Amino acid sequence: LTHGPFYIMTFAAKWLGEEKVYFYSSHDYNEDYVIEKINHLLDEADVVIAHNGDRFDIPRIRARALTLGKKPCSPFKTIDTFRVAKKEFSFESNKLEYLAKILGCEEKDDHKKFPGFELWLECLKGNQEAWDEMREYNIQDVQTLEEIYLKMRPYITNHPNLAVFEEGEGIACPKCGGMIIATF
């Protein structure tokens, strides 16, 4: 089985405000199935929040989908917290770990048993303990990203208008989609 120059090892995602985190890995499923699951979630999303997703994750996912002969998913808007941090703020670092720390969010755990790139290498060797750690790390990444996004959201000047996705009567906040029932 050849994957080409790269392939998708893991993918974690959640819907904003919901508890459930979706996690898929090439250890548990073949990459074709992982890409199908990613594309299904992206197809359902109107807005995708990622950290460095515009430059790295989304082009990589699209490259693998194209390589595997998948149809493209529906268009979606992105909010890239890495780009937001660079554009809207002047932090010493724009890394997710740093932002979590200074914003008082759930900090990402360092890799416990397999530090740095060793985690990926051990996963490639099929080490189950490394795969378990990778799963935990990815899930925590998604939860931390959600916290960072929610803290940054009021400052995002080009935030997509979320009110257009809300149903109901009343006026909705363009940044959070929250409904305001008002009479005039």
N, C-alpha and C. Protein backbone atom coordinates (compact mmCIF):
# COMPACT_ATOMS: atom_id res chain seq x y z
N LEU A 1 0.85 -1.19 0.00
CA LEU A 1 0.00 0.00 0.00
C LEU A 1 0.89 1.23 0.00
N THR A 2 0.76 2.05 -1.03
CA THR A 2 1.53 3.29 -1.07
C THR A 2 0.59 4.46 -0.84
N HIS A 3 1.07 5.43 -0.14
CA HIS A 3 0.26 6.61 0.18
C HIS A 3 0.72 7.83 -0.59
N GLY A 4 1.78 7.75 -1.33
CA GLY A 4 2.32 8.93 -1.97
C GLY A 4 3.21 9.67 -0.98
N PRO A 5 3.47 10.94 -1.24
CA PRO A 5 4.40 11.67 -0.38
C PRO A 5 3.88 11.90 1.04
N PHE A 6 2.59 11.91 1.24
CA PHE A 6 2.01 12.05 2.57
C PHE A 6 0.63 11.42 2.56
N TYR A 7 0.07 11.21 3.74
CA TYR A 7 -1.30 10.76 3.86
C TYR A 7 -1.85 11.27 5.18
N ILE A 8 -3.15 11.15 5.35
CA ILE A 8 -3.81 11.64 6.56
C ILE A 8 -3.76 10.53 7.60
N MET A 9 -3.02 10.77 8.68
CA MET A 9 -2.91 9.78 9.77
C MET A 9 -4.11 9.85 10.70
N THR A 10 -4.48 11.08 11.10
CA THR A 10 -5.57 11.24 12.05
C THR A 10 -6.38 12.48 11.71
N PHE A 11 -7.58 12.50 12.24
CA PHE A 11 -8.48 13.63 12.06
C PHE A 11 -9.39 13.69 13.26
N ALA A 12 -9.50 14.86 13.88
CA ALA A 12 -10.43 15.07 14.99
C ALA A 12 -11.22 16.34 14.71
N ALA A 13 -12.50 16.33 15.06
CA ALA A 13 -13.37 17.48 14.84
C ALA A 13 -14.55 17.41 15.79
N LYS A 14 -15.19 18.54 16.00
CA LYS A 14 -16.41 18.59 16.79
C LYS A 14 -17.25 19.74 16.27
N TRP A 15 -18.54 19.68 16.55
CA TRP A 15 -19.42 20.78 16.23
C TRP A 15 -19.35 21.77 17.38
N LEU A 16 -19.29 23.04 17.07
CA LEU A 16 -19.18 24.09 18.07
C LEU A 16 -20.29 23.96 19.12
N GLY A 17 -19.87 23.94 20.37
CA GLY A 17 -20.82 23.87 21.48
C GLY A 17 -21.29 22.48 21.85
N GLU A 18 -20.94 21.48 21.07
CA GLU A 18 -21.34 20.11 21.39
C GLU A 18 -20.17 19.38 22.05
N GLU A 19 -20.49 18.35 22.81
CA GLU A 19 -19.47 17.60 23.54
C GLU A 19 -18.73 16.59 22.67
N LYS A 20 -19.46 15.90 21.80
CA LYS A 20 -18.89 14.80 21.04
C LYS A 20 -17.75 15.26 20.13
N VAL A 21 -16.64 14.53 20.20
CA VAL A 21 -15.51 14.76 19.31
C VAL A 21 -15.39 13.55 18.39
N TYR A 22 -15.34 13.81 17.10
CA TYR A 22 -15.16 12.76 16.10
C TYR A 22 -13.66 12.55 15.91
N PHE A 23 -13.25 11.30 15.92
CA PHE A 23 -11.83 10.99 15.72
C PHE A 23 -11.73 9.80 14.79
N TYR A 24 -10.90 9.94 13.77
CA TYR A 24 -10.64 8.86 12.83
C TYR A 24 -9.14 8.79 12.60
N SER A 25 -8.63 7.58 12.47
CA SER A 25 -7.20 7.42 12.21
C SER A 25 -6.97 6.34 11.17
N SER A 26 -5.83 6.45 10.50
CA SER A 26 -5.45 5.43 9.52
C SER A 26 -5.00 4.15 10.22
N HIS A 27 -4.90 4.19 11.53
CA HIS A 27 -4.59 2.98 12.31
C HIS A 27 -5.85 2.11 12.45
N ASP A 28 -6.98 2.77 12.61
CA ASP A 28 -8.25 2.06 12.81
C ASP A 28 -9.00 1.80 11.50
N TYR A 29 -8.78 2.65 10.51
CA TYR A 29 -9.49 2.55 9.23
C TYR A 29 -8.49 2.81 8.10
N ASN A 30 -8.87 2.44 6.88
CA ASN A 30 -7.98 2.80 5.78
C ASN A 30 -8.17 4.29 5.47
N GLU A 31 -7.20 4.88 4.82
CA GLU A 31 -7.23 6.32 4.59
C GLU A 31 -8.42 6.74 3.74
N ASP A 32 -8.84 5.90 2.82
CA ASP A 32 -10.00 6.20 1.99
C ASP A 32 -11.23 6.49 2.87
N TYR A 33 -11.43 5.65 3.89
CA TYR A 33 -12.55 5.83 4.81
C TYR A 33 -12.38 7.10 5.64
N VAL A 34 -11.16 7.37 6.10
CA VAL A 34 -10.88 8.58 6.89
C VAL A 34 -11.22 9.82 6.07
N ILE A 35 -10.79 9.84 4.81
CA ILE A 35 -11.09 10.98 3.94
C ILE A 35 -12.60 11.11 3.70
N GLU A 36 -13.29 10.00 3.54
CA GLU A 36 -14.76 10.04 3.39
C GLU A 36 -15.39 10.70 4.61
N LYS A 37 -14.95 10.33 5.80
CA LYS A 37 -15.49 10.89 7.04
C LYS A 37 -15.18 12.38 7.15
N ILE A 38 -13.95 12.76 6.81
CA ILE A 38 -13.58 14.17 6.83
C ILE A 38 -14.47 14.94 5.87
N ASN A 39 -14.57 14.46 4.64
CA ASN A 39 -15.37 15.16 3.64
C ASN A 39 -16.83 15.24 4.04
N HIS A 40 -17.34 14.21 4.69
CA HIS A 40 -18.74 14.24 5.14
C HIS A 40 -18.94 15.38 6.15
N LEU A 41 -18.04 15.48 7.13
CA LEU A 41 -18.16 16.55 8.13
C LEU A 41 -17.98 17.93 7.49
N LEU A 42 -16.99 18.06 6.61
CA LEU A 42 -16.78 19.34 5.94
C LEU A 42 -17.96 19.70 5.05
N ASP A 43 -18.57 18.70 4.44
CA ASP A 43 -19.73 18.92 3.58
C ASP A 43 -20.91 19.49 4.37
N GLU A 44 -21.02 19.10 5.62
CA GLU A 44 -22.11 19.57 6.48
C GLU A 44 -21.84 20.95 7.06
N ALA A 45 -20.59 21.38 7.09
CA ALA A 45 -20.20 22.62 7.76
C ALA A 45 -20.42 23.84 6.87
N ASP A 46 -20.89 24.90 7.49
CA ASP A 46 -20.95 26.20 6.82
C ASP A 46 -19.67 26.97 7.07
N VAL A 47 -19.13 26.82 8.29
CA VAL A 47 -17.91 27.50 8.69
C VAL A 47 -17.03 26.47 9.39
N VAL A 48 -15.76 26.44 9.03
CA VAL A 48 -14.79 25.53 9.63
C VAL A 48 -13.77 26.36 10.39
N ILE A 49 -13.56 26.00 11.65
CA ILE A 49 -12.58 26.68 12.48
C ILE A 49 -11.38 25.76 12.58
N ALA A 50 -10.20 26.30 12.30
CA ALA A 50 -8.98 25.51 12.35
C ALA A 50 -7.83 26.42 12.79
N HIS A 51 -6.73 25.80 13.17
CA HIS A 51 -5.53 26.56 13.50
C HIS A 51 -4.47 26.20 12.46
N ASN A 52 -4.13 27.15 11.63
CA ASN A 52 -3.24 26.96 10.49
C ASN A 52 -3.88 26.06 9.43
N GLY A 53 -5.19 25.98 9.46
CA GLY A 53 -5.92 25.14 8.52
C GLY A 53 -5.92 25.65 7.10
N ASP A 54 -5.95 26.98 6.93
CA ASP A 54 -5.95 27.55 5.57
C ASP A 54 -4.67 27.22 4.82
N ARG A 55 -3.57 27.21 5.54
CA ARG A 55 -2.28 26.99 4.89
C ARG A 55 -1.86 25.52 4.87
N PHE A 56 -2.33 24.73 5.84
CA PHE A 56 -1.83 23.36 5.93
C PHE A 56 -2.94 22.31 5.83
N ASP A 57 -3.81 22.24 6.84
CA ASP A 57 -4.76 21.12 6.93
C ASP A 57 -5.72 21.01 5.75
N ILE A 58 -6.37 22.10 5.41
CA ILE A 58 -7.38 22.03 4.35
C ILE A 58 -6.75 21.70 2.99
N PRO A 59 -5.64 22.34 2.58
CA PRO A 59 -5.01 21.92 1.32
C PRO A 59 -4.56 20.46 1.33
N ARG A 60 -4.07 19.98 2.48
CA ARG A 60 -3.65 18.57 2.57
C ARG A 60 -4.85 17.62 2.42
N ILE A 61 -5.93 17.96 3.09
CA ILE A 61 -7.14 17.13 2.98
C ILE A 61 -7.63 17.12 1.54
N ARG A 62 -7.66 18.27 0.91
CA ARG A 62 -8.11 18.35 -0.48
C ARG A 62 -7.18 17.58 -1.42
N ALA A 63 -5.88 17.66 -1.16
CA ALA A 63 -4.92 16.93 -2.00
C ALA A 63 -5.16 15.43 -1.90
N ARG A 64 -5.36 14.93 -0.69
CA ARG A 64 -5.59 13.49 -0.53
C ARG A 64 -6.94 13.09 -1.12
N ALA A 65 -7.95 13.93 -0.95
CA ALA A 65 -9.27 13.62 -1.53
C ALA A 65 -9.17 13.53 -3.05
N LEU A 66 -8.48 14.47 -3.66
CA LEU A 66 -8.30 14.45 -5.12
C LEU A 66 -7.52 13.21 -5.54
N THR A 67 -6.43 12.92 -4.83
CA THR A 67 -5.60 11.76 -5.15
C THR A 67 -6.39 10.47 -5.05
N LEU A 68 -7.30 10.40 -4.09
CA LEU A 68 -8.11 9.19 -3.89
C LEU A 68 -9.38 9.18 -4.73
N GLY A 69 -9.56 10.19 -5.57
CA GLY A 69 -10.70 10.22 -6.48
C GLY A 69 -12.02 10.62 -5.83
N LYS A 70 -11.96 11.33 -4.72
CA LYS A 70 -13.18 11.77 -4.04
C LYS A 70 -13.71 13.05 -4.67
N LYS A 71 -15.01 13.22 -4.58
CA LYS A 71 -15.61 14.47 -5.04
C LYS A 71 -15.34 15.55 -4.00
N PRO A 72 -15.20 16.79 -4.43
CA PRO A 72 -14.98 17.86 -3.46
C PRO A 72 -16.24 18.07 -2.60
N CYS A 73 -16.03 18.50 -1.38
CA CYS A 73 -17.18 18.77 -0.52
C CYS A 73 -17.75 20.15 -0.85
N SER A 74 -18.89 20.44 -0.30
CA SER A 74 -19.53 21.74 -0.52
C SER A 74 -18.62 22.86 -0.03
N PRO A 75 -18.75 24.04 -0.63
CA PRO A 75 -17.93 25.17 -0.16
C PRO A 75 -18.25 25.53 1.29
N PHE A 76 -17.25 26.01 1.99
CA PHE A 76 -17.43 26.47 3.37
C PHE A 76 -16.50 27.64 3.62
N LYS A 77 -16.84 28.43 4.59
CA LYS A 77 -15.98 29.52 5.04
C LYS A 77 -15.02 28.95 6.08
N THR A 78 -13.87 29.59 6.24
CA THR A 78 -12.94 29.17 7.28
C THR A 78 -12.64 30.34 8.21
N ILE A 79 -12.41 29.99 9.45
CA ILE A 79 -11.85 30.92 10.43
C ILE A 79 -10.59 30.22 10.92
N ASP A 80 -9.46 30.80 10.57
CA ASP A 80 -8.17 30.22 10.93
C ASP A 80 -7.61 31.01 12.10
N THR A 81 -7.62 30.42 13.29
CA THR A 81 -7.20 31.14 14.49
C THR A 81 -5.73 31.54 14.43
N PHE A 82 -4.91 30.83 13.68
CA PHE A 82 -3.52 31.22 13.50
C PHE A 82 -3.45 32.55 12.76
N ARG A 83 -4.22 32.65 11.67
CA ARG A 83 -4.25 33.89 10.89
C ARG A 83 -4.88 35.03 11.68
N VAL A 84 -5.92 34.72 12.45
CA VAL A 84 -6.55 35.74 13.30
C VAL A 84 -5.54 36.27 14.30
N ALA A 85 -4.80 35.37 14.94
CA ALA A 85 -3.80 35.79 15.94
C ALA A 85 -2.76 36.72 15.30
N LYS A 86 -2.33 36.41 14.08
CA LYS A 86 -1.33 37.24 13.40
C LYS A 86 -1.91 38.59 12.99
N LYS A 87 -3.16 38.58 12.52
CA LYS A 87 -3.77 39.80 11.98
C LYS A 87 -4.29 40.74 13.06
N GLU A 88 -4.96 40.19 14.04
CA GLU A 88 -5.69 41.01 15.01
C GLU A 88 -4.90 41.34 16.27
N PHE A 89 -3.83 40.59 16.54
CA PHE A 89 -3.11 40.73 17.80
C PHE A 89 -1.60 40.78 17.53
N SER A 90 -0.86 41.01 18.56
CA SER A 90 0.60 41.01 18.46
C SER A 90 1.17 40.16 19.59
N PHE A 91 0.86 38.88 19.55
CA PHE A 91 1.36 37.96 20.56
C PHE A 91 2.81 37.61 20.28
N GLU A 92 3.52 37.15 21.31
CA GLU A 92 4.90 36.72 21.14
C GLU A 92 4.98 35.47 20.25
N SER A 93 3.92 34.67 20.29
CA SER A 93 3.84 33.46 19.48
C SER A 93 2.38 33.25 19.08
N ASN A 94 2.16 32.64 17.94
CA ASN A 94 0.80 32.35 17.49
C ASN A 94 0.50 30.86 17.53
N LYS A 95 1.37 30.10 18.19
CA LYS A 95 1.14 28.66 18.32
C LYS A 95 -0.04 28.40 19.23
N LEU A 96 -0.74 27.32 18.96
CA LEU A 96 -1.93 26.97 19.73
C LEU A 96 -1.61 26.83 21.21
N GLU A 97 -0.50 26.18 21.53
CA GLU A 97 -0.12 25.97 22.93
C GLU A 97 0.07 27.31 23.65
N TYR A 98 0.74 28.24 22.99
CA TYR A 98 0.99 29.54 23.60
C TYR A 98 -0.32 30.31 23.78
N LEU A 99 -1.15 30.32 22.75
CA LEU A 99 -2.42 31.04 22.85
C LEU A 99 -3.29 30.47 23.96
N ALA A 100 -3.31 29.15 24.10
CA ALA A 100 -4.08 28.53 25.18
C ALA A 100 -3.61 29.01 26.53
N LYS A 101 -2.30 29.08 26.69
CA LYS A 101 -1.73 29.47 27.98
C LYS A 101 -2.08 30.92 28.32
N ILE A 102 -1.83 31.85 27.39
CA ILE A 102 -2.05 33.25 27.73
C ILE A 102 -3.52 33.65 27.77
N LEU A 103 -4.38 32.87 27.09
CA LEU A 103 -5.82 33.17 27.11
C LEU A 103 -6.56 32.42 28.21
N GLY A 104 -5.83 31.62 28.99
CA GLY A 104 -6.45 30.91 30.10
C GLY A 104 -7.35 29.77 29.66
N CYS A 105 -7.02 29.16 28.54
CA CYS A 105 -7.80 28.02 28.02
C CYS A 105 -7.18 26.72 28.53
N GLU A 106 -7.89 25.64 28.30
CA GLU A 106 -7.35 24.32 28.64
C GLU A 106 -6.06 24.15 27.85
N GLU A 107 -4.97 24.05 28.56
CA GLU A 107 -3.69 23.94 27.87
C GLU A 107 -3.50 22.56 27.28
N LYS A 108 -2.86 22.54 26.15
CA LYS A 108 -2.54 21.26 25.52
C LYS A 108 -1.48 20.56 26.35
N ASP A 109 -1.67 19.29 26.58
CA ASP A 109 -0.64 18.51 27.25
C ASP A 109 0.49 18.25 26.27
N ASP A 110 1.69 18.31 26.77
CA ASP A 110 2.79 17.85 25.94
C ASP A 110 2.61 16.35 25.76
N HIS A 111 3.19 15.85 24.74
CA HIS A 111 3.14 14.41 24.56
C HIS A 111 3.78 13.80 25.79
N LYS A 112 3.10 12.90 26.42
CA LYS A 112 3.58 12.37 27.69
C LYS A 112 4.73 11.39 27.49
N LYS A 113 4.46 10.30 26.85
CA LYS A 113 5.48 9.27 26.70
C LYS A 113 6.32 9.47 25.43
N PHE A 114 5.70 10.05 24.42
CA PHE A 114 6.37 10.20 23.13
C PHE A 114 6.45 11.69 22.78
N PRO A 115 7.51 12.37 23.20
CA PRO A 115 7.61 13.82 22.99
C PRO A 115 7.86 14.18 21.53
N GLY A 116 7.30 15.33 21.13
CA GLY A 116 7.55 15.88 19.80
C GLY A 116 7.23 14.92 18.67
N PHE A 117 8.12 14.91 17.69
CA PHE A 117 7.92 14.10 16.49
C PHE A 117 7.97 12.61 16.75
N GLU A 118 8.50 12.23 17.91
CA GLU A 118 8.57 10.80 18.27
C GLU A 118 7.18 10.16 18.27
N LEU A 119 6.16 10.93 18.64
CA LEU A 119 4.80 10.40 18.65
C LEU A 119 4.40 9.93 17.25
N TRP A 120 4.66 10.76 16.26
CA TRP A 120 4.31 10.40 14.87
C TRP A 120 5.13 9.18 14.41
N LEU A 121 6.40 9.16 14.74
CA LEU A 121 7.24 8.04 14.35
C LEU A 121 6.75 6.73 14.97
N GLU A 122 6.40 6.78 16.24
CA GLU A 122 5.90 5.57 16.92
C GLU A 122 4.56 5.12 16.34
N CYS A 123 3.73 6.07 15.96
CA CYS A 123 2.46 5.71 15.30
C CYS A 123 2.74 5.01 13.98
N LEU A 124 3.69 5.54 13.22
CA LEU A 124 4.04 4.92 11.94
C LEU A 124 4.57 3.50 12.12
N LYS A 125 5.17 3.22 13.28
CA LYS A 125 5.66 1.88 13.58
C LYS A 125 4.54 0.96 14.07
N GLY A 126 3.34 1.52 14.27
CA GLY A 126 2.20 0.71 14.71
C GLY A 126 2.10 0.55 16.21
N ASN A 127 2.80 1.35 16.98
CA ASN A 127 2.80 1.27 18.44
C ASN A 127 1.43 1.70 18.98
N GLN A 128 0.69 0.76 19.56
CA GLN A 128 -0.67 1.04 20.05
C GLN A 128 -0.68 2.11 21.13
N GLU A 129 0.31 2.10 21.99
CA GLU A 129 0.38 3.11 23.06
C GLU A 129 0.53 4.52 22.45
N ALA A 130 1.31 4.62 21.39
CA ALA A 130 1.48 5.90 20.70
C ALA A 130 0.17 6.32 20.03
N TRP A 131 -0.53 5.37 19.43
CA TRP A 131 -1.82 5.70 18.80
C TRP A 131 -2.83 6.18 19.85
N ASP A 132 -2.83 5.57 21.02
CA ASP A 132 -3.72 6.02 22.09
C ASP A 132 -3.39 7.45 22.51
N GLU A 133 -2.10 7.73 22.61
CA GLU A 133 -1.67 9.08 22.96
C GLU A 133 -2.03 10.08 21.86
N MET A 134 -1.88 9.67 20.60
CA MET A 134 -2.23 10.53 19.47
C MET A 134 -3.71 10.88 19.51
N ARG A 135 -4.53 9.90 19.80
CA ARG A 135 -5.99 10.13 19.89
C ARG A 135 -6.29 11.17 20.97
N GLU A 136 -5.71 10.98 22.14
CA GLU A 136 -5.93 11.91 23.25
C GLU A 136 -5.44 13.32 22.89
N TYR A 137 -4.28 13.38 22.26
CA TYR A 137 -3.69 14.65 21.86
C TYR A 137 -4.57 15.38 20.85
N ASN A 138 -5.06 14.66 19.84
CA ASN A 138 -5.92 15.27 18.82
C ASN A 138 -7.23 15.76 19.38
N ILE A 139 -7.84 14.98 20.25
CA ILE A 139 -9.11 15.37 20.86
C ILE A 139 -8.92 16.62 21.71
N GLN A 140 -7.84 16.65 22.48
CA GLN A 140 -7.57 17.83 23.30
C GLN A 140 -7.30 19.05 22.42
N ASP A 141 -6.63 18.86 21.30
CA ASP A 141 -6.38 19.94 20.35
C ASP A 141 -7.68 20.62 19.92
N VAL A 142 -8.66 19.81 19.58
CA VAL A 142 -9.94 20.32 19.10
C VAL A 142 -10.66 21.08 20.22
N GLN A 143 -10.64 20.54 21.42
CA GLN A 143 -11.30 21.20 22.54
C GLN A 143 -10.61 22.52 22.88
N THR A 144 -9.29 22.54 22.85
CA THR A 144 -8.53 23.76 23.11
C THR A 144 -8.80 24.79 22.03
N LEU A 145 -8.82 24.35 20.78
CA LEU A 145 -9.10 25.25 19.66
C LEU A 145 -10.46 25.92 19.82
N GLU A 146 -11.46 25.17 20.24
CA GLU A 146 -12.79 25.74 20.43
C GLU A 146 -12.75 26.86 21.48
N GLU A 147 -12.06 26.62 22.58
CA GLU A 147 -11.95 27.63 23.63
C GLU A 147 -11.25 28.90 23.12
N ILE A 148 -10.16 28.71 22.40
CA ILE A 148 -9.41 29.85 21.86
C ILE A 148 -10.29 30.64 20.90
N TYR A 149 -10.97 29.94 20.02
CA TYR A 149 -11.86 30.61 19.06
C TYR A 149 -12.92 31.44 19.78
N LEU A 150 -13.56 30.86 20.78
CA LEU A 150 -14.63 31.59 21.47
C LEU A 150 -14.10 32.84 22.16
N LYS A 151 -12.87 32.79 22.66
CA LYS A 151 -12.28 33.98 23.28
C LYS A 151 -11.89 35.02 22.23
N MET A 152 -11.44 34.59 21.07
CA MET A 152 -11.03 35.51 20.00
C MET A 152 -12.23 36.07 19.22
N ARG A 153 -13.31 35.34 19.18
CA ARG A 153 -14.42 35.67 18.27
C ARG A 153 -14.86 37.13 18.31
N PRO A 154 -15.02 37.75 19.48
CA PRO A 154 -15.48 39.16 19.45
C PRO A 154 -14.50 40.11 18.77
N TYR A 155 -13.25 39.71 18.62
CA TYR A 155 -12.22 40.56 18.03
C TYR A 155 -12.02 40.32 16.54
N ILE A 156 -12.65 39.31 15.99
CA ILE A 156 -12.41 38.95 14.59
C ILE A 156 -13.17 39.92 13.69
N THR A 157 -12.43 40.76 12.97
CA THR A 157 -13.07 41.82 12.18
C THR A 157 -13.74 41.31 10.90
N ASN A 158 -13.26 40.22 10.34
CA ASN A 158 -13.87 39.70 9.10
C ASN A 158 -14.62 38.40 9.35
N HIS A 159 -15.20 38.27 10.53
CA HIS A 159 -15.93 37.05 10.90
C HIS A 159 -17.13 36.86 9.98
N PRO A 160 -17.36 35.63 9.50
CA PRO A 160 -18.56 35.39 8.68
C PRO A 160 -19.83 35.70 9.48
N ASN A 161 -20.86 36.18 8.82
CA ASN A 161 -22.12 36.50 9.46
C ASN A 161 -22.87 35.20 9.78
N LEU A 162 -22.86 34.81 11.03
CA LEU A 162 -23.51 33.56 11.44
C LEU A 162 -25.02 33.70 11.56
N ALA A 163 -25.52 34.91 11.58
CA ALA A 163 -26.96 35.13 11.70
C ALA A 163 -27.72 34.55 10.51
N VAL A 164 -27.06 34.47 9.36
CA VAL A 164 -27.74 33.94 8.17
C VAL A 164 -28.04 32.45 8.29
N PHE A 165 -27.39 31.76 9.24
CA PHE A 165 -27.60 30.34 9.41
C PHE A 165 -28.67 30.02 10.46
N GLU A 166 -29.16 31.04 11.16
CA GLU A 166 -30.14 30.84 12.22
C GLU A 166 -31.55 30.93 11.66
N GLU A 167 -32.42 30.09 12.20
CA GLU A 167 -33.82 30.14 11.82
C GLU A 167 -34.59 30.77 12.97
N GLY A 168 -35.71 31.33 12.66
CA GLY A 168 -36.54 31.90 13.71
C GLY A 168 -36.81 33.37 13.45
N GLU A 169 -37.65 33.91 14.29
CA GLU A 169 -38.01 35.31 14.18
C GLU A 169 -37.16 36.11 15.14
N GLY A 170 -36.80 37.29 14.75
CA GLY A 170 -35.98 38.14 15.59
C GLY A 170 -34.71 38.53 14.90
N ILE A 171 -33.88 39.21 15.62
CA ILE A 171 -32.60 39.68 15.11
C ILE A 171 -31.53 38.78 15.70
N ALA A 172 -30.57 38.39 14.87
CA ALA A 172 -29.51 37.50 15.36
C ALA A 172 -28.17 38.21 15.32
N CYS A 173 -27.34 37.91 16.29
CA CYS A 173 -25.98 38.45 16.34
C CYS A 173 -25.17 37.88 15.17
N PRO A 174 -24.51 38.74 14.39
CA PRO A 174 -23.76 38.23 13.24
C PRO A 174 -22.54 37.40 13.61
N LYS A 175 -21.97 37.57 14.81
CA LYS A 175 -20.77 36.82 15.18
C LYS A 175 -21.08 35.49 15.85
N CYS A 176 -22.15 35.42 16.63
CA CYS A 176 -22.43 34.15 17.32
C CYS A 176 -23.71 33.49 16.86
N GLY A 177 -24.53 34.22 16.10
CA GLY A 177 -25.79 33.66 15.63
C GLY A 177 -26.86 33.65 16.69
N GLY A 178 -26.54 34.12 17.91
CA GLY A 178 -27.52 34.15 19.00
C GLY A 178 -28.69 35.03 18.65
N MET A 179 -29.86 34.54 18.95
CA MET A 179 -31.07 35.27 18.59
C MET A 179 -31.41 36.32 19.64
N ILE A 180 -31.84 37.47 19.15
CA ILE A 180 -32.33 38.53 20.01
C ILE A 180 -33.78 38.73 19.61
N ILE A 181 -34.67 38.44 20.53
CA ILE A 181 -36.08 38.67 20.25
C ILE A 181 -36.39 40.09 20.69
N ALA A 182 -36.83 40.89 19.78
CA ALA A 182 -37.04 42.30 20.10
C ALA A 182 -38.33 42.80 19.48
N THR A 183 -38.93 43.76 20.11
CA THR A 183 -40.06 44.45 19.52
C THR A 183 -39.71 45.93 19.46
N PHE A 184 -40.18 46.60 18.45
CA PHE A 184 -39.85 48.01 18.30
C PHE A 184 -41.12 48.82 18.22
